[in-house]
Amino acid sequence: MKNKPLFYATILALTAAGISGVANFLNKYALAALGGPIFFTTLKNAAVAIFLLALILALEKWQEIAGLKKSQWIKLLAVGLIGGSLPFALFFTGLSQIPAVNAALIHKTLFLWVFLFAAVFLQEKMSRLQWLGVLAFFSANILVGGFKGFQASRGELLVLMATILW
């Protein structure tokens, strides 16, 4: 095989897409079973926090964490709020109001927002192969998920806001 990195990247991208696609539908069911989206978000974030704390303790990295400067704590807090809890709260609130396939399609525009910001701020360009991937990705989501169209609803707006923050 000539281009092993491209092969492995493709496998990883397809695996991530599959997991992410299934996750939206599972999260929709979990939201209904557990109650409100904010409780669900808090529960998920608490589980991640406990896991990270256990990992820090197991790897004996507590001193490094305790040695962070105030400015570093502020930056970590900003990342946690802007890239974590706020988008998750927006996403799960929106997901509770719209079909999972709509949320999945909106969420999958994430790479377009990344590209847009990268094009503006870093002068990045997408190749034809990348655009072909975009077309294949959205086509598969529409065909498999039974997409019936966007409603421009509050739920879709919340999911879009979360996606842009991510």
C-alpha atoms as a PDB file:
ATOM      1  CA  MET A   1       0.000   0.000   0.000  1.00  0.00           C
ATOM      2  CA  LYS A   2       1.471   3.332  -1.104  1.00  0.00           C
ATOM      3  CA  ASN A   3      -0.255   5.778   1.204  1.00  0.00           C
ATOM      4  CA  LYS A   4      -0.713   4.161   4.620  1.00  0.00           C
ATOM      5  CA  PRO A   5      -1.374   7.457   6.465  1.00  0.00           C
ATOM      6  CA  LEU A   6      -4.302   8.245   4.128  1.00  0.00           C
ATOM      7  CA  PHE A   7      -5.651   4.706   4.573  1.00  0.00           C
ATOM      8  CA  TYR A   8      -5.459   4.927   8.366  1.00  0.00           C
ATOM      9  CA  ALA A   9      -6.920   8.434   8.368  1.00  0.00           C
ATOM     10  CA  THR A  10      -9.833   7.214   6.257  1.00  0.00           C
ATOM     11  CA  ILE A  11     -10.474   4.284   8.595  1.00  0.00           C
ATOM     12  CA  LEU A  12     -10.360   6.566  11.636  1.00  0.00           C
ATOM     13  CA  ALA A  13     -12.655   9.138   9.986  1.00  0.00           C
ATOM     14  CA  LEU A  14     -15.201   6.482   9.008  1.00  0.00           C
ATOM     15  CA  THR A  15     -15.088   4.965  12.494  1.00  0.00           C
ATOM     16  CA  ALA A  16     -15.588   8.385  14.113  1.00  0.00           C
ATOM     17  CA  ALA A  17     -18.460   9.158  11.729  1.00  0.00           C
ATOM     18  CA  GLY A  18     -20.144   5.859  12.555  1.00  0.00           C
ATOM     19  CA  ILE A  19     -19.807   6.335  16.299  1.00  0.00           C
ATOM     20  CA  SER A  20     -20.986   9.928  16.096  1.00  0.00           C
ATOM     21  CA  GLY A  21     -23.958   9.041  13.914  1.00  0.00           C
ATOM     22  CA  VAL A  22     -25.121   6.313  16.261  1.00  0.00           C
ATOM     23  CA  ALA A  23     -24.458   8.502  19.315  1.00  0.00           C
ATOM     24  CA  ASN A  24     -26.999  11.131  18.235  1.00  0.00           C
ATOM     25  CA  PHE A  25     -29.777   8.567  18.069  1.00  0.00           C
ATOM     26  CA  LEU A  26     -28.759   6.898  21.356  1.00  0.00           C
ATOM     27  CA  ASN A  27     -28.561  10.299  23.065  1.00  0.00           C
ATOM     28  CA  LYS A  28     -32.081  11.084  21.838  1.00  0.00           C
ATOM     29  CA  TYR A  29     -33.367   7.946  23.592  1.00  0.00           C
ATOM     30  CA  ALA A  30     -31.291   8.629  26.712  1.00  0.00           C
ATOM     31  CA  LEU A  31     -32.700  12.169  26.912  1.00  0.00           C
ATOM     32  CA  ALA A  32     -36.233  10.782  26.924  1.00  0.00           C
ATOM     33  CA  ALA A  33     -35.376   8.176  29.546  1.00  0.00           C
ATOM     34  CA  LEU A  34     -33.435  10.429  31.927  1.00  0.00           C
ATOM     35  CA  GLY A  35     -35.593  13.536  31.864  1.00  0.00           C
ATOM     36  CA  GLY A  36     -34.366  16.996  30.984  1.00  0.00           C
ATOM     37  CA  PRO A  37     -31.442  17.872  28.726  1.00  0.00           C
ATOM     38  CA  ILE A  38     -29.656  19.929  31.395  1.00  0.00           C
ATOM     39  CA  PHE A  39     -29.746  16.997  33.841  1.00  0.00           C
ATOM     40  CA  PHE A  40     -28.470  14.721  31.052  1.00  0.00           C
ATOM     41  CA  THR A  41     -25.658  17.162  30.224  1.00  0.00           C
ATOM     42  CA  THR A  42     -24.706  17.526  33.878  1.00  0.00           C
ATOM     43  CA  LEU A  43     -24.677  13.757  34.317  1.00  0.00           C
ATOM     44  CA  LYS A  44     -22.448  13.224  31.262  1.00  0.00           C
ATOM     45  CA  ASN A  45     -20.067  16.046  32.245  1.00  0.00           C
ATOM     46  CA  ALA A  46     -19.856  14.742  35.823  1.00  0.00           C
ATOM     47  CA  ALA A  47     -18.953  11.275  34.510  1.00  0.00           C
ATOM     48  CA  VAL A  48     -16.174  12.768  32.371  1.00  0.00           C
ATOM     49  CA  ALA A  49     -14.913  14.871  35.299  1.00  0.00           C
ATOM     50  CA  ILE A  50     -14.766  11.800  37.554  1.00  0.00           C
ATOM     51  CA  PHE A  51     -12.914   9.852  34.858  1.00  0.00           C
ATOM     52  CA  LEU A  52     -10.386  12.663  34.335  1.00  0.00           C
ATOM     53  CA  LEU A  53      -9.863  13.092  38.067  1.00  0.00           C
ATOM     54  CA  ALA A  54      -9.269   9.344  38.447  1.00  0.00           C
ATOM     55  CA  LEU A  55      -6.816   9.446  35.543  1.00  0.00           C
ATOM     56  CA  ILE A  56      -4.913  12.390  37.063  1.00  0.00           C
ATOM     57  CA  LEU A  57      -4.701  10.574  40.390  1.00  0.00           C
ATOM     58  CA  ALA A  58      -3.728   7.230  38.802  1.00  0.00           C
ATOM     59  CA  LEU A  59      -0.968   8.840  36.741  1.00  0.00           C
ATOM     60  CA  GLU A  60       0.181  10.848  39.764  1.00  0.00           C
ATOM     61  CA  LYS A  61      -0.086  14.160  37.890  1.00  0.00           C
ATOM     62  CA  TRP A  62      -1.841  16.027  40.713  1.00  0.00           C
ATOM     63  CA  GLN A  63       1.189  18.246  41.408  1.00  0.00           C
ATOM     64  CA  GLU A  64       1.245  19.472  37.812  1.00  0.00           C
ATOM     65  CA  ILE A  65      -2.425  20.429  38.040  1.00  0.00           C
ATOM     66  CA  ALA A  66      -1.958  22.113  41.404  1.00  0.00           C
ATOM     67  CA  GLY A  67       0.976  24.081  39.960  1.00  0.00           C
ATOM     68  CA  LEU A  68      -1.048  25.798  37.258  1.00  0.00           C
ATOM     69  CA  LYS A  69      -1.070  29.591  37.300  1.00  0.00           C
ATOM     70  CA  LYS A  70      -4.253  31.635  37.719  1.00  0.00           C
ATOM     71  CA  SER A  71      -4.202  32.625  34.022  1.00  0.00           C
ATOM     72  CA  GLN A  72      -3.980  28.955  33.045  1.00  0.00           C
ATOM     73  CA  TRP A  73      -6.962  28.090  35.272  1.00  0.00           C
ATOM     74  CA  ILE A  74      -8.956  30.898  33.647  1.00  0.00           C
ATOM     75  CA  LYS A  75      -8.121  29.569  30.180  1.00  0.00           C
ATOM     76  CA  LEU A  76      -9.070  26.031  31.203  1.00  0.00           C
ATOM     77  CA  LEU A  77     -12.341  27.304  32.635  1.00  0.00           C
ATOM     78  CA  ALA A  78     -13.078  29.196  29.404  1.00  0.00           C
ATOM     79  CA  VAL A  79     -12.392  26.078  27.319  1.00  0.00           C
ATOM     80  CA  GLY A  80     -14.620  24.046  29.638  1.00  0.00           C
ATOM     81  CA  LEU A  81     -17.478  26.527  29.394  1.00  0.00           C
ATOM     82  CA  ILE A  82     -17.243  27.548  25.721  1.00  0.00           C
ATOM     83  CA  GLY A  83     -16.145  24.209  24.319  1.00  0.00           C
ATOM     84  CA  GLY A  84     -17.835  21.926  26.808  1.00  0.00           C
ATOM     85  CA  SER A  85     -20.747  22.579  29.087  1.00  0.00           C
ATOM     86  CA  LEU A  86     -22.478  25.391  27.170  1.00  0.00           C
ATOM     87  CA  PRO A  87     -22.442  23.638  23.772  1.00  0.00           C
ATOM     88  CA  PHE A  88     -23.552  20.353  25.331  1.00  0.00           C
ATOM     89  CA  ALA A  89     -26.421  22.068  27.135  1.00  0.00           C
ATOM     90  CA  LEU A  90     -27.448  23.789  23.885  1.00  0.00           C
ATOM     91  CA  PHE A  91     -27.083  20.604  21.849  1.00  0.00           C
ATOM     92  CA  PHE A  92     -29.060  18.324  24.159  1.00  0.00           C
ATOM     93  CA  THR A  93     -31.758  20.938  24.686  1.00  0.00           C
ATOM     94  CA  GLY A  94     -32.079  21.244  20.903  1.00  0.00           C
ATOM     95  CA  LEU A  95     -31.930  17.473  20.433  1.00  0.00           C
ATOM     96  CA  SER A  96     -34.830  17.053  22.841  1.00  0.00           C
ATOM     97  CA  GLN A  97     -36.942  19.265  20.531  1.00  0.00           C
ATOM     98  CA  ILE A  98     -36.075  17.986  17.033  1.00  0.00           C
ATOM     99  CA  PRO A  99     -35.622  14.662  15.194  1.00  0.00           C
ATOM    100  CA  ALA A 100     -32.224  13.030  15.782  1.00  0.00           C
ATOM    101  CA  VAL A 101     -31.447  13.009  12.056  1.00  0.00           C
ATOM    102  CA  ASN A 102     -31.829  16.804  11.897  1.00  0.00           C
ATOM    103  CA  ALA A 103     -29.513  17.205  14.886  1.00  0.00           C
ATOM    104  CA  ALA A 104     -27.025  14.803  13.299  1.00  0.00           C
ATOM    105  CA  LEU A 105     -26.979  16.699  10.012  1.00  0.00           C
ATOM    106  CA  ILE A 106     -26.545  20.058  11.723  1.00  0.00           C
ATOM    107  CA  HIS A 107     -23.821  18.637  13.964  1.00  0.00           C
ATOM    108  CA  LYS A 108     -22.051  17.219  10.908  1.00  0.00           C
ATOM    109  CA  THR A 109     -21.648  20.747   9.547  1.00  0.00           C
ATOM    110  CA  LEU A 110     -18.950  21.182  12.203  1.00  0.00           C
ATOM    111  CA  PHE A 111     -16.158  20.607   9.697  1.00  0.00           C
ATOM    112  CA  LEU A 112     -17.674  23.280   7.425  1.00  0.00           C
ATOM    113  CA  TRP A 113     -17.476  25.833  10.253  1.00  0.00           C
ATOM    114  CA  VAL A 114     -13.899  24.742  10.949  1.00  0.00           C
ATOM    115  CA  PHE A 115     -13.118  25.122   7.253  1.00  0.00           C
ATOM    116  CA  LEU A 116     -14.796  28.525   7.121  1.00  0.00           C
ATOM    117  CA  PHE A 117     -12.791  29.822  10.071  1.00  0.00           C
ATOM    118  CA  ALA A 118      -9.607  28.188   8.725  1.00  0.00           C
ATOM    119  CA  ALA A 119     -10.179  29.742   5.291  1.00  0.00           C
ATOM    120  CA  VAL A 120     -10.725  33.190   6.789  1.00  0.00           C
ATOM    121  CA  PHE A 121      -8.004  33.154   9.436  1.00  0.00           C
ATOM    122  CA  LEU A 122      -5.442  30.679   8.016  1.00  0.00           C
ATOM    123  CA  GLN A 123      -6.114  30.922   4.247  1.00  0.00           C
ATOM    124  CA  GLU A 124      -6.820  27.161   4.052  1.00  0.00           C
ATOM    125  CA  LYS A 125      -8.342  25.586   0.919  1.00  0.00           C
ATOM    126  CA  MET A 126     -10.293  22.344   0.417  1.00  0.00           C
ATOM    127  CA  SER A 127      -9.370  19.911  -2.345  1.00  0.00           C
ATOM    128  CA  ARG A 128     -11.834  18.270  -4.732  1.00  0.00           C
ATOM    129  CA  LEU A 129     -11.380  14.998  -2.857  1.00  0.00           C
ATOM    130  CA  GLN A 130     -12.393  16.696   0.379  1.00  0.00           C
ATOM    131  CA  TRP A 131     -15.494  18.202  -1.262  1.00  0.00           C
ATOM    132  CA  LEU A 132     -16.360  14.730  -2.616  1.00  0.00           C
ATOM    133  CA  GLY A 133     -16.130  13.437   0.963  1.00  0.00           C
ATOM    134  CA  VAL A 134     -18.490  16.196   2.101  1.00  0.00           C
ATOM    135  CA  LEU A 135     -21.012  15.243  -0.579  1.00  0.00           C
ATOM    136  CA  ALA A 136     -20.772  11.534   0.270  1.00  0.00           C
ATOM    137  CA  PHE A 137     -21.129  12.239   3.969  1.00  0.00           C
ATOM    138  CA  PHE A 138     -24.275  14.346   3.693  1.00  0.00           C
ATOM    139  CA  SER A 139     -25.791  12.013   1.088  1.00  0.00           C
ATOM    140  CA  ALA A 140     -25.340   9.032   3.401  1.00  0.00           C
ATOM    141  CA  ASN A 141     -26.873  10.892   6.351  1.00  0.00           C
ATOM    142  CA  ILE A 142     -29.873  11.926   4.277  1.00  0.00           C
ATOM    143  CA  LEU A 143     -30.427   8.470   2.748  1.00  0.00           C
ATOM    144  CA  VAL A 144     -29.882   6.406   5.897  1.00  0.00           C
ATOM    145  CA  GLY A 145     -31.486   8.759   8.403  1.00  0.00           C
ATOM    146  CA  GLY A 146     -34.718   9.452   6.573  1.00  0.00           C
ATOM    147  CA  PHE A 147     -34.211  13.220   6.555  1.00  0.00           C
ATOM    148  CA  LYS A 148     -37.465  15.102   5.903  1.00  0.00           C
ATOM    149  CA  GLY A 149     -36.160  18.679   5.858  1.00  0.00           C
ATOM    150  CA  PHE A 150     -35.251  21.433   8.276  1.00  0.00           C
ATOM    151  CA  GLN A 151     -37.934  23.434  10.073  1.00  0.00           C
ATOM    152  CA  ALA A 152     -35.806  26.448  11.134  1.00  0.00           C
ATOM    153  CA  SER A 153     -37.026  25.750  14.648  1.00  0.00           C
ATOM    154  CA  ARG A 154     -35.681  26.789  18.035  1.00  0.00           C
ATOM    155  CA  GLY A 155     -34.262  23.271  18.520  1.00  0.00           C
ATOM    156  CA  GLU A 156     -32.363  23.389  15.235  1.00  0.00           C
ATOM    157  CA  LEU A 157     -30.995  26.825  16.114  1.00  0.00           C
ATOM    158  CA  LEU A 158     -29.767  25.530  19.491  1.00  0.00           C
ATOM    159  CA  VAL A 159     -28.002  22.595  17.817  1.00  0.00           C
ATOM    160  CA  LEU A 160     -26.432  24.967  15.281  1.00  0.00           C
ATOM    161  CA  MET A 161     -25.222  27.296  18.053  1.00  0.00           C
ATOM    162  CA  ALA A 162     -23.660  24.316  19.866  1.00  0.00           C
ATOM    163  CA  THR A 163     -21.985  23.136  16.660  1.00  0.00           C
ATOM    164  CA  ILE A 164     -20.434  26.548  16.007  1.00  0.00           C
ATOM    165  CA  LEU A 165     -19.136  26.737  19.584  1.00  0.00           C
ATOM    166  CA  TRP A 166     -17.521  23.309  19.226  1.00  0.00           C
END
